[in-house]
Amino acid sequence: MNQNSLLDVDWTAIPAPIDDGAAAHLSGCTVPPVSLPTTDGQVVTLADLVGRTIVFAYPRTGQPGKIALVEDWDLIPGARGCTPQTCAFRDLFAELKAAGASQVFGLSTQSTAYQAEMAARLHLPFPVLSDEQLELTHALRLPVFEVAGLTLIRRLALIIDNGRITKVFYPVFPPDRNAGEVFAWLKANPA
């Protein structure tokens, strides 16, 4: 399937993910000291960050006009929508910071080089973390799915306060509303 538009999605035609309980253990967890490379050339250890951190994880961003990873990508519940989710966090970035987020990160298992192209194309004001080696994914037992020989993170968002997960948004659907949900939670739950 050719993905001409990554942003214009009819969410009524996309199967919604169900809450399978795969993220239930995350609330209250201490983030393990795993260091991850970012699209801005840094290495970040989420466990060491002071203040309130937002991490939104997604399976895999696509590229306009490129063939999807698998033909039935849109039929995998929760797979479609990485670019709309990312753009929503980009568009609400200033509001998220004003509402108490010290830092915001995207997270996927894609390589930093792949993510850097996407970050530049979408003009992201925040870095994206690469867990290509699945270190954080395994250490936190993040919900994943397998497709085309790849392990991909199921879409979720985490609020982390001084290295401890305070809030988990899972499942996330539709993805383009996730940033707004996180923003509303931040306003209702100041640090």
N, C-alpha and C. Protein backbone atom coordinates (compact mmCIF):
# COMPACT_ATOMS: atom_id res chain seq x y z
N MET A 1 0.84 -1.17 0.00
CA MET A 1 0.00 0.00 0.00
C MET A 1 0.89 1.23 0.00
N ASN A 2 0.63 2.15 -0.89
CA ASN A 2 1.36 3.40 -0.98
C ASN A 2 0.73 4.41 -0.03
N GLN A 3 1.51 5.03 0.81
CA GLN A 3 1.01 5.98 1.79
C GLN A 3 1.22 7.40 1.27
N ASN A 4 0.25 7.92 0.52
CA ASN A 4 0.38 9.26 -0.03
C ASN A 4 0.29 10.33 1.04
N SER A 5 -0.64 10.20 1.95
CA SER A 5 -0.80 11.18 3.02
C SER A 5 -0.71 10.47 4.37
N LEU A 6 0.24 10.92 5.16
CA LEU A 6 0.40 10.33 6.47
C LEU A 6 -0.46 11.03 7.52
N LEU A 7 -1.00 12.20 7.16
CA LEU A 7 -1.77 12.99 8.12
C LEU A 7 -3.27 12.88 7.94
N ASP A 8 -3.73 12.72 6.72
CA ASP A 8 -5.17 12.64 6.47
C ASP A 8 -5.63 11.20 6.62
N VAL A 9 -6.21 10.91 7.78
CA VAL A 9 -6.63 9.54 8.09
C VAL A 9 -8.09 9.55 8.52
N ASP A 10 -8.86 8.65 7.95
CA ASP A 10 -10.24 8.45 8.39
C ASP A 10 -10.20 7.43 9.52
N TRP A 11 -10.23 7.92 10.78
CA TRP A 11 -10.09 7.02 11.93
C TRP A 11 -11.24 6.03 12.05
N THR A 12 -12.38 6.31 11.42
CA THR A 12 -13.49 5.36 11.48
C THR A 12 -13.20 4.12 10.64
N ALA A 13 -12.23 4.21 9.74
CA ALA A 13 -11.88 3.08 8.88
C ALA A 13 -10.68 2.29 9.43
N ILE A 14 -10.14 2.74 10.55
CA ILE A 14 -8.96 2.11 11.15
C ILE A 14 -9.39 1.37 12.42
N PRO A 15 -8.99 0.11 12.58
CA PRO A 15 -9.38 -0.60 13.81
C PRO A 15 -8.69 -0.01 15.05
N ALA A 16 -9.48 0.23 16.07
CA ALA A 16 -8.95 0.78 17.32
C ALA A 16 -8.31 -0.32 18.15
N PRO A 17 -7.21 -0.01 18.82
CA PRO A 17 -6.62 -1.00 19.72
C PRO A 17 -7.48 -1.15 20.97
N ILE A 18 -7.38 -2.30 21.60
CA ILE A 18 -8.10 -2.54 22.85
C ILE A 18 -7.11 -2.51 24.00
N ASP A 19 -7.61 -2.27 25.19
CA ASP A 19 -6.74 -2.30 26.37
C ASP A 19 -6.53 -3.76 26.76
N ASP A 20 -5.38 -4.28 26.39
CA ASP A 20 -5.05 -5.68 26.68
C ASP A 20 -4.33 -5.85 28.02
N GLY A 21 -4.20 -4.75 28.77
CA GLY A 21 -3.55 -4.82 30.07
C GLY A 21 -2.03 -4.84 30.01
N ALA A 22 -1.46 -4.75 28.81
CA ALA A 22 -0.01 -4.89 28.66
C ALA A 22 0.79 -3.71 29.22
N ALA A 23 0.11 -2.62 29.58
CA ALA A 23 0.80 -1.46 30.16
C ALA A 23 0.40 -1.23 31.61
N ALA A 24 -0.43 -2.11 32.17
CA ALA A 24 -0.97 -1.91 33.52
C ALA A 24 0.13 -1.86 34.58
N HIS A 25 1.23 -2.53 34.36
CA HIS A 25 2.31 -2.59 35.34
C HIS A 25 3.18 -1.34 35.37
N LEU A 26 3.02 -0.44 34.41
CA LEU A 26 3.94 0.68 34.27
C LEU A 26 3.74 1.81 35.28
N SER A 27 2.50 2.07 35.65
CA SER A 27 2.23 3.18 36.57
C SER A 27 2.93 2.94 37.90
N GLY A 28 3.74 3.91 38.32
CA GLY A 28 4.48 3.80 39.56
C GLY A 28 5.87 3.20 39.42
N CYS A 29 6.19 2.66 38.24
CA CYS A 29 7.50 2.04 38.03
C CYS A 29 8.62 3.08 38.00
N THR A 30 9.76 2.69 38.49
CA THR A 30 10.96 3.49 38.34
C THR A 30 11.54 3.18 36.97
N VAL A 31 11.90 4.21 36.24
CA VAL A 31 12.48 4.02 34.91
C VAL A 31 13.90 3.47 35.07
N PRO A 32 14.25 2.41 34.35
CA PRO A 32 15.60 1.85 34.47
C PRO A 32 16.64 2.78 33.84
N PRO A 33 17.90 2.70 34.29
CA PRO A 33 18.95 3.58 33.80
C PRO A 33 19.49 3.15 32.43
N VAL A 34 18.64 3.25 31.43
CA VAL A 34 19.02 2.90 30.06
C VAL A 34 19.26 4.19 29.29
N SER A 35 20.40 4.28 28.62
CA SER A 35 20.74 5.46 27.82
C SER A 35 20.37 5.21 26.36
N LEU A 36 19.70 6.21 25.76
CA LEU A 36 19.24 6.09 24.39
C LEU A 36 19.72 7.27 23.54
N PRO A 37 20.11 7.01 22.29
CA PRO A 37 20.51 8.10 21.40
C PRO A 37 19.28 8.88 20.94
N THR A 38 19.50 10.17 20.64
CA THR A 38 18.41 11.03 20.21
C THR A 38 18.70 11.63 18.84
N THR A 39 17.66 12.17 18.24
CA THR A 39 17.80 12.79 16.92
C THR A 39 18.59 14.09 16.95
N ASP A 40 18.84 14.65 18.13
CA ASP A 40 19.66 15.87 18.19
C ASP A 40 21.12 15.56 18.58
N GLY A 41 21.50 14.28 18.46
CA GLY A 41 22.89 13.89 18.67
C GLY A 41 23.29 13.67 20.12
N GLN A 42 22.34 13.72 21.02
CA GLN A 42 22.63 13.52 22.44
C GLN A 42 22.36 12.06 22.83
N VAL A 43 22.67 11.73 24.05
CA VAL A 43 22.30 10.46 24.65
C VAL A 43 21.52 10.82 25.92
N VAL A 44 20.33 10.25 26.07
CA VAL A 44 19.45 10.59 27.19
C VAL A 44 19.19 9.34 28.03
N THR A 45 19.27 9.52 29.34
CA THR A 45 18.89 8.49 30.30
C THR A 45 17.67 9.04 31.03
N LEU A 46 16.50 8.55 30.68
CA LEU A 46 15.25 9.07 31.25
C LEU A 46 15.24 8.99 32.77
N ALA A 47 15.87 7.98 33.33
CA ALA A 47 15.90 7.80 34.79
C ALA A 47 16.61 8.95 35.49
N ASP A 48 17.50 9.63 34.78
CA ASP A 48 18.30 10.70 35.39
C ASP A 48 17.68 12.09 35.24
N LEU A 49 16.60 12.21 34.49
CA LEU A 49 16.04 13.53 34.21
C LEU A 49 15.26 14.06 35.41
N VAL A 50 15.46 15.31 35.70
CA VAL A 50 14.78 15.98 36.80
C VAL A 50 13.55 16.69 36.25
N GLY A 51 12.48 16.64 37.00
CA GLY A 51 11.25 17.31 36.58
C GLY A 51 10.30 16.35 35.90
N ARG A 52 9.36 16.92 35.18
CA ARG A 52 8.30 16.14 34.52
C ARG A 52 8.67 15.94 33.05
N THR A 53 8.70 14.69 32.65
CA THR A 53 9.05 14.31 31.29
C THR A 53 7.87 13.63 30.63
N ILE A 54 7.63 13.98 29.38
CA ILE A 54 6.61 13.30 28.57
C ILE A 54 7.34 12.46 27.54
N VAL A 55 6.99 11.19 27.47
CA VAL A 55 7.50 10.30 26.43
C VAL A 55 6.30 9.68 25.74
N PHE A 56 6.19 9.95 24.43
CA PHE A 56 5.13 9.27 23.68
C PHE A 56 5.80 8.28 22.74
N ALA A 57 5.35 7.04 22.82
CA ALA A 57 5.95 5.96 22.03
C ALA A 57 4.99 5.56 20.92
N TYR A 58 5.55 5.19 19.81
CA TYR A 58 4.76 4.82 18.64
C TYR A 58 5.48 3.70 17.89
N PRO A 59 4.74 2.94 17.07
CA PRO A 59 5.38 1.82 16.38
C PRO A 59 6.45 2.23 15.38
N ARG A 60 6.08 3.13 14.45
CA ARG A 60 6.99 3.40 13.34
C ARG A 60 6.42 4.49 12.46
N THR A 61 7.17 5.55 12.23
CA THR A 61 6.70 6.58 11.31
C THR A 61 6.99 6.14 9.88
N GLY A 62 6.13 6.58 8.98
CA GLY A 62 6.32 6.30 7.56
C GLY A 62 6.90 7.51 6.86
N GLN A 63 7.12 7.35 5.58
CA GLN A 63 7.58 8.46 4.75
C GLN A 63 6.58 8.66 3.63
N PRO A 64 6.21 9.92 3.34
CA PRO A 64 5.22 10.17 2.29
C PRO A 64 5.64 9.54 0.96
N GLY A 65 4.66 8.90 0.32
CA GLY A 65 4.91 8.30 -0.99
C GLY A 65 5.64 6.98 -0.97
N LYS A 66 6.04 6.51 0.21
CA LYS A 66 6.75 5.23 0.31
C LYS A 66 5.76 4.12 0.60
N ILE A 67 6.16 2.94 0.27
CA ILE A 67 5.32 1.77 0.51
C ILE A 67 5.29 1.47 2.01
N ALA A 68 4.13 1.10 2.50
CA ALA A 68 3.99 0.75 3.92
C ALA A 68 4.84 -0.49 4.24
N LEU A 69 5.15 -0.65 5.51
CA LEU A 69 5.97 -1.78 5.96
C LEU A 69 5.38 -3.11 5.52
N VAL A 70 4.07 -3.26 5.68
CA VAL A 70 3.35 -4.43 5.21
C VAL A 70 2.06 -3.95 4.55
N GLU A 71 1.52 -4.73 3.65
CA GLU A 71 0.33 -4.36 2.89
C GLU A 71 -0.86 -4.02 3.78
N ASP A 72 -1.03 -4.77 4.87
CA ASP A 72 -2.21 -4.56 5.72
C ASP A 72 -1.89 -3.74 6.98
N TRP A 73 -0.91 -2.83 6.90
CA TRP A 73 -0.51 -2.01 8.04
C TRP A 73 -1.70 -1.33 8.71
N ASP A 74 -2.58 -0.74 7.91
CA ASP A 74 -3.73 -0.01 8.47
C ASP A 74 -4.71 -0.92 9.20
N LEU A 75 -4.65 -2.23 8.96
CA LEU A 75 -5.56 -3.17 9.61
C LEU A 75 -5.03 -3.68 10.96
N ILE A 76 -3.79 -3.35 11.28
CA ILE A 76 -3.22 -3.73 12.57
C ILE A 76 -3.70 -2.70 13.59
N PRO A 77 -4.50 -3.11 14.58
CA PRO A 77 -5.02 -2.13 15.55
C PRO A 77 -3.90 -1.34 16.23
N GLY A 78 -3.98 -0.03 16.10
CA GLY A 78 -3.00 0.84 16.73
C GLY A 78 -1.75 1.11 15.92
N ALA A 79 -1.59 0.51 14.76
CA ALA A 79 -0.37 0.71 13.98
C ALA A 79 -0.37 2.07 13.28
N ARG A 80 -1.45 2.41 12.63
CA ARG A 80 -1.52 3.65 11.84
C ARG A 80 -1.64 4.86 12.74
N GLY A 81 -0.93 5.92 12.41
CA GLY A 81 -1.11 7.18 13.11
C GLY A 81 0.12 7.75 13.78
N CYS A 82 1.29 7.24 13.47
CA CYS A 82 2.51 7.73 14.14
C CYS A 82 2.81 9.18 13.78
N THR A 83 2.67 9.52 12.50
CA THR A 83 2.92 10.90 12.10
C THR A 83 1.87 11.86 12.66
N PRO A 84 0.56 11.54 12.60
CA PRO A 84 -0.40 12.44 13.24
C PRO A 84 -0.16 12.62 14.74
N GLN A 85 0.22 11.55 15.44
CA GLN A 85 0.51 11.67 16.88
C GLN A 85 1.71 12.58 17.10
N THR A 86 2.76 12.37 16.34
CA THR A 86 3.97 13.17 16.48
C THR A 86 3.70 14.64 16.17
N CYS A 87 2.95 14.90 15.10
CA CYS A 87 2.63 16.29 14.73
C CYS A 87 1.76 16.96 15.79
N ALA A 88 0.88 16.21 16.44
CA ALA A 88 0.06 16.78 17.51
C ALA A 88 0.93 17.20 18.69
N PHE A 89 1.93 16.39 19.05
CA PHE A 89 2.84 16.78 20.12
C PHE A 89 3.68 17.98 19.69
N ARG A 90 4.07 18.02 18.43
CA ARG A 90 4.79 19.19 17.91
C ARG A 90 3.93 20.45 18.05
N ASP A 91 2.69 20.35 17.62
CA ASP A 91 1.80 21.52 17.61
C ASP A 91 1.43 22.01 19.01
N LEU A 92 1.45 21.11 19.99
CA LEU A 92 1.13 21.50 21.37
C LEU A 92 2.37 21.62 22.26
N PHE A 93 3.54 21.60 21.66
CA PHE A 93 4.78 21.60 22.42
C PHE A 93 4.86 22.76 23.41
N ALA A 94 4.61 23.99 22.95
CA ALA A 94 4.69 25.16 23.84
C ALA A 94 3.69 25.05 24.98
N GLU A 95 2.49 24.57 24.70
CA GLU A 95 1.47 24.41 25.74
C GLU A 95 1.86 23.34 26.75
N LEU A 96 2.45 22.25 26.27
CA LEU A 96 2.89 21.19 27.17
C LEU A 96 3.98 21.70 28.11
N LYS A 97 4.91 22.47 27.56
CA LYS A 97 5.97 23.05 28.39
C LYS A 97 5.38 24.02 29.40
N ALA A 98 4.45 24.85 28.96
CA ALA A 98 3.82 25.83 29.87
C ALA A 98 3.02 25.13 30.97
N ALA A 99 2.52 23.92 30.67
CA ALA A 99 1.74 23.17 31.66
C ALA A 99 2.61 22.32 32.58
N GLY A 100 3.92 22.45 32.47
CA GLY A 100 4.80 21.79 33.43
C GLY A 100 5.73 20.72 32.90
N ALA A 101 5.71 20.45 31.61
CA ALA A 101 6.63 19.44 31.07
C ALA A 101 8.03 20.04 30.96
N SER A 102 8.99 19.45 31.64
CA SER A 102 10.38 19.90 31.54
C SER A 102 10.97 19.50 30.20
N GLN A 103 10.57 18.32 29.72
CA GLN A 103 11.04 17.83 28.44
C GLN A 103 10.00 16.91 27.81
N VAL A 104 10.07 16.83 26.48
CA VAL A 104 9.18 15.99 25.69
C VAL A 104 10.04 15.18 24.73
N PHE A 105 9.72 13.89 24.61
CA PHE A 105 10.45 13.01 23.69
C PHE A 105 9.47 12.11 22.96
N GLY A 106 9.76 11.84 21.70
CA GLY A 106 9.14 10.74 20.99
C GLY A 106 10.02 9.52 21.23
N LEU A 107 9.48 8.32 21.00
CA LEU A 107 10.23 7.08 21.20
C LEU A 107 9.74 6.03 20.23
N SER A 108 10.68 5.41 19.52
CA SER A 108 10.34 4.26 18.69
C SER A 108 11.55 3.33 18.63
N THR A 109 11.37 2.20 17.98
CA THR A 109 12.48 1.25 17.82
C THR A 109 13.19 1.45 16.49
N GLN A 110 12.86 2.53 15.79
CA GLN A 110 13.54 2.84 14.54
C GLN A 110 14.94 3.40 14.84
N SER A 111 15.81 3.34 13.85
CA SER A 111 17.17 3.86 14.02
C SER A 111 17.15 5.38 14.15
N THR A 112 18.17 5.93 14.77
CA THR A 112 18.29 7.37 14.91
C THR A 112 18.36 8.04 13.54
N ALA A 113 19.03 7.43 12.58
CA ALA A 113 19.13 8.01 11.24
C ALA A 113 17.74 8.12 10.60
N TYR A 114 16.92 7.07 10.72
CA TYR A 114 15.57 7.11 10.17
C TYR A 114 14.75 8.18 10.89
N GLN A 115 14.85 8.21 12.21
CA GLN A 115 14.10 9.19 12.99
C GLN A 115 14.54 10.62 12.68
N ALA A 116 15.83 10.82 12.43
CA ALA A 116 16.35 12.17 12.17
C ALA A 116 15.75 12.74 10.89
N GLU A 117 15.56 11.91 9.88
CA GLU A 117 14.92 12.39 8.65
C GLU A 117 13.52 12.87 8.96
N MET A 118 12.77 12.08 9.72
CA MET A 118 11.40 12.42 10.08
C MET A 118 11.37 13.68 10.94
N ALA A 119 12.25 13.78 11.92
CA ALA A 119 12.28 14.94 12.81
C ALA A 119 12.55 16.23 12.03
N ALA A 120 13.45 16.17 11.07
CA ALA A 120 13.75 17.34 10.24
C ALA A 120 12.57 17.68 9.33
N ARG A 121 11.99 16.66 8.69
CA ARG A 121 10.87 16.88 7.76
C ARG A 121 9.67 17.47 8.47
N LEU A 122 9.42 17.03 9.71
CA LEU A 122 8.24 17.49 10.45
C LEU A 122 8.55 18.70 11.35
N HIS A 123 9.81 19.17 11.34
CA HIS A 123 10.22 20.34 12.12
C HIS A 123 9.89 20.18 13.60
N LEU A 124 10.34 19.07 14.17
CA LEU A 124 10.03 18.78 15.57
C LEU A 124 10.86 19.65 16.51
N PRO A 125 10.23 20.24 17.53
CA PRO A 125 10.97 21.04 18.50
C PRO A 125 11.52 20.22 19.65
N PHE A 126 11.38 18.92 19.58
CA PHE A 126 11.86 18.00 20.62
C PHE A 126 12.58 16.85 19.96
N PRO A 127 13.49 16.19 20.69
CA PRO A 127 14.18 15.04 20.12
C PRO A 127 13.35 13.76 20.20
N VAL A 128 13.73 12.82 19.37
CA VAL A 128 13.12 11.50 19.36
C VAL A 128 14.18 10.50 19.82
N LEU A 129 13.79 9.62 20.73
CA LEU A 129 14.68 8.60 21.28
C LEU A 129 14.61 7.33 20.43
N SER A 130 15.75 6.73 20.19
CA SER A 130 15.79 5.46 19.47
C SER A 130 16.08 4.32 20.44
N ASP A 131 15.15 3.36 20.47
CA ASP A 131 15.37 2.14 21.26
C ASP A 131 15.53 0.97 20.28
N GLU A 132 16.38 1.19 19.30
CA GLU A 132 16.60 0.19 18.25
C GLU A 132 17.07 -1.14 18.82
N GLN A 133 17.81 -1.10 19.92
CA GLN A 133 18.31 -2.33 20.54
C GLN A 133 17.31 -2.92 21.55
N LEU A 134 16.16 -2.26 21.72
CA LEU A 134 15.07 -2.73 22.58
C LEU A 134 15.46 -2.79 24.06
N GLU A 135 16.46 -2.03 24.46
CA GLU A 135 16.91 -2.07 25.87
C GLU A 135 15.84 -1.52 26.82
N LEU A 136 15.34 -0.32 26.54
CA LEU A 136 14.31 0.25 27.40
C LEU A 136 13.00 -0.53 27.27
N THR A 137 12.69 -0.92 26.05
CA THR A 137 11.47 -1.69 25.79
C THR A 137 11.44 -2.96 26.63
N HIS A 138 12.53 -3.69 26.65
CA HIS A 138 12.59 -4.92 27.45
C HIS A 138 12.65 -4.62 28.95
N ALA A 139 13.45 -3.62 29.33
CA ALA A 139 13.60 -3.31 30.76
C ALA A 139 12.29 -2.88 31.39
N LEU A 140 11.47 -2.11 30.65
CA LEU A 140 10.17 -1.67 31.18
C LEU A 140 9.03 -2.63 30.82
N ARG A 141 9.33 -3.62 30.00
CA ARG A 141 8.31 -4.55 29.49
C ARG A 141 7.17 -3.77 28.81
N LEU A 142 7.59 -2.85 27.91
CA LEU A 142 6.61 -2.08 27.16
C LEU A 142 5.81 -3.01 26.26
N PRO A 143 4.55 -2.69 26.00
CA PRO A 143 3.75 -3.51 25.09
C PRO A 143 4.29 -3.38 23.67
N VAL A 144 4.43 -4.50 23.01
CA VAL A 144 4.99 -4.53 21.66
C VAL A 144 4.15 -5.45 20.76
N PHE A 145 4.44 -5.35 19.46
CA PHE A 145 3.92 -6.32 18.51
C PHE A 145 4.99 -6.57 17.46
N GLU A 146 4.89 -7.70 16.81
CA GLU A 146 5.86 -8.11 15.80
C GLU A 146 5.23 -8.01 14.42
N VAL A 147 5.97 -7.43 13.48
CA VAL A 147 5.52 -7.37 12.10
C VAL A 147 6.74 -7.28 11.19
N ALA A 148 6.71 -8.04 10.13
CA ALA A 148 7.79 -8.05 9.13
C ALA A 148 9.17 -8.26 9.78
N GLY A 149 9.22 -9.10 10.81
CA GLY A 149 10.47 -9.40 11.48
C GLY A 149 10.96 -8.32 12.43
N LEU A 150 10.14 -7.31 12.69
CA LEU A 150 10.52 -6.21 13.58
C LEU A 150 9.68 -6.23 14.85
N THR A 151 10.29 -5.81 15.94
CA THR A 151 9.56 -5.61 17.19
C THR A 151 9.26 -4.13 17.31
N LEU A 152 7.98 -3.80 17.39
CA LEU A 152 7.54 -2.41 17.43
C LEU A 152 6.77 -2.14 18.72
N ILE A 153 6.95 -0.95 19.27
CA ILE A 153 6.26 -0.56 20.50
C ILE A 153 4.81 -0.21 20.18
N ARG A 154 3.89 -0.70 20.98
CA ARG A 154 2.50 -0.28 20.85
C ARG A 154 2.40 1.17 21.34
N ARG A 155 1.53 1.90 20.70
CA ARG A 155 1.39 3.33 20.98
C ARG A 155 0.97 3.58 22.43
N LEU A 156 1.72 4.44 23.11
CA LEU A 156 1.39 4.84 24.47
C LEU A 156 2.07 6.16 24.78
N ALA A 157 1.70 6.77 25.88
CA ALA A 157 2.39 7.97 26.35
C ALA A 157 2.60 7.81 27.85
N LEU A 158 3.74 8.31 28.31
CA LEU A 158 4.11 8.22 29.72
C LEU A 158 4.39 9.61 30.27
N ILE A 159 3.93 9.86 31.48
CA ILE A 159 4.35 11.03 32.24
C ILE A 159 5.32 10.49 33.28
N ILE A 160 6.54 11.01 33.28
CA ILE A 160 7.58 10.56 34.19
C ILE A 160 7.99 11.74 35.06
N ASP A 161 7.89 11.56 36.36
CA ASP A 161 8.30 12.59 37.31
C ASP A 161 9.54 12.13 38.05
N ASN A 162 10.67 12.81 37.77
CA ASN A 162 11.94 12.49 38.43
C ASN A 162 12.25 11.00 38.40
N GLY A 163 12.11 10.39 37.23
CA GLY A 163 12.48 9.00 37.04
C GLY A 163 11.45 7.96 37.40
N ARG A 164 10.25 8.39 37.80
CA ARG A 164 9.18 7.45 38.14
C ARG A 164 7.96 7.74 37.27
N ILE A 165 7.37 6.68 36.72
CA ILE A 165 6.19 6.83 35.84
C ILE A 165 4.98 7.16 36.69
N THR A 166 4.40 8.32 36.42
CA THR A 166 3.26 8.83 37.17
C THR A 166 1.94 8.50 36.48
N LYS A 167 1.94 8.55 35.15
CA LYS A 167 0.70 8.35 34.39
C LYS A 167 1.01 7.64 33.09
N VAL A 168 0.13 6.70 32.72
CA VAL A 168 0.26 5.96 31.47
C VAL A 168 -1.01 6.17 30.64
N PHE A 169 -0.84 6.53 29.39
CA PHE A 169 -1.94 6.62 28.44
C PHE A 169 -1.82 5.42 27.51
N TYR A 170 -2.73 4.47 27.65
CA TYR A 170 -2.69 3.23 26.86
C TYR A 170 -4.04 2.56 26.94
N PRO A 171 -4.59 2.09 25.87
CA PRO A 171 -4.13 2.33 24.50
C PRO A 171 -4.43 3.77 24.08
N VAL A 172 -3.81 4.19 23.01
CA VAL A 172 -3.98 5.54 22.48
C VAL A 172 -4.73 5.43 21.16
N PHE A 173 -5.90 6.08 21.09
CA PHE A 173 -6.66 6.10 19.85
C PHE A 173 -7.76 7.15 19.93
N PRO A 174 -7.93 7.94 18.92
CA PRO A 174 -7.06 8.09 17.77
C PRO A 174 -5.77 8.82 18.16
N PRO A 175 -4.69 8.51 17.47
CA PRO A 175 -3.38 9.01 17.85
C PRO A 175 -3.26 10.53 17.83
N ASP A 176 -3.96 11.18 16.93
CA ASP A 176 -3.81 12.64 16.81
C ASP A 176 -4.42 13.39 17.98
N ARG A 177 -5.14 12.71 18.86
CA ARG A 177 -5.73 13.36 20.04
C ARG A 177 -4.91 13.12 21.31
N ASN A 178 -3.86 12.31 21.23
CA ASN A 178 -3.08 11.94 22.40
C ASN A 178 -2.42 13.15 23.06
N ALA A 179 -1.84 14.04 22.28
CA ALA A 179 -1.18 15.21 22.85
C ALA A 179 -2.17 16.07 23.62
N GLY A 180 -3.37 16.22 23.09
CA GLY A 180 -4.41 16.98 23.79
C GLY A 180 -4.81 16.32 25.10
N GLU A 181 -4.88 14.99 25.12
CA GLU A 181 -5.20 14.27 26.36
C GLU A 181 -4.09 14.46 27.40
N VAL A 182 -2.84 14.41 26.95
CA VAL A 182 -1.71 14.62 27.85
C VAL A 182 -1.74 16.05 28.39
N PHE A 183 -2.00 17.01 27.52
CA PHE A 183 -2.07 18.41 27.94
C PHE A 183 -3.17 18.61 28.99
N ALA A 184 -4.33 18.04 28.76
CA ALA A 184 -5.45 18.16 29.72
C ALA A 184 -5.04 17.55 31.06
N TRP A 185 -4.36 16.40 31.03
CA TRP A 185 -3.93 15.76 32.27
C TRP A 185 -2.92 16.63 33.01
N LEU A 186 -1.97 17.22 32.28
CA LEU A 186 -0.96 18.09 32.89
C LEU A 186 -1.62 19.28 33.59
N LYS A 187 -2.61 19.87 32.94
CA LYS A 187 -3.30 21.02 33.55
C LYS A 187 -4.05 20.61 34.81
N ALA A 188 -4.63 19.41 34.80
CA ALA A 188 -5.40 18.94 35.96
C ALA A 188 -4.52 18.37 37.08
N ASN A 189 -3.26 18.07 36.76
CA ASN A 189 -2.34 17.45 37.71
C ASN A 189 -1.00 18.16 37.72
N PRO A 190 -0.95 19.38 38.23
CA PRO A 190 0.34 20.10 38.22
C PRO A 190 1.38 19.37 39.05
N ALA A 191 2.62 19.51 38.60
CA ALA A 191 3.75 18.84 39.29
C ALA A 191 3.99 19.44 40.66
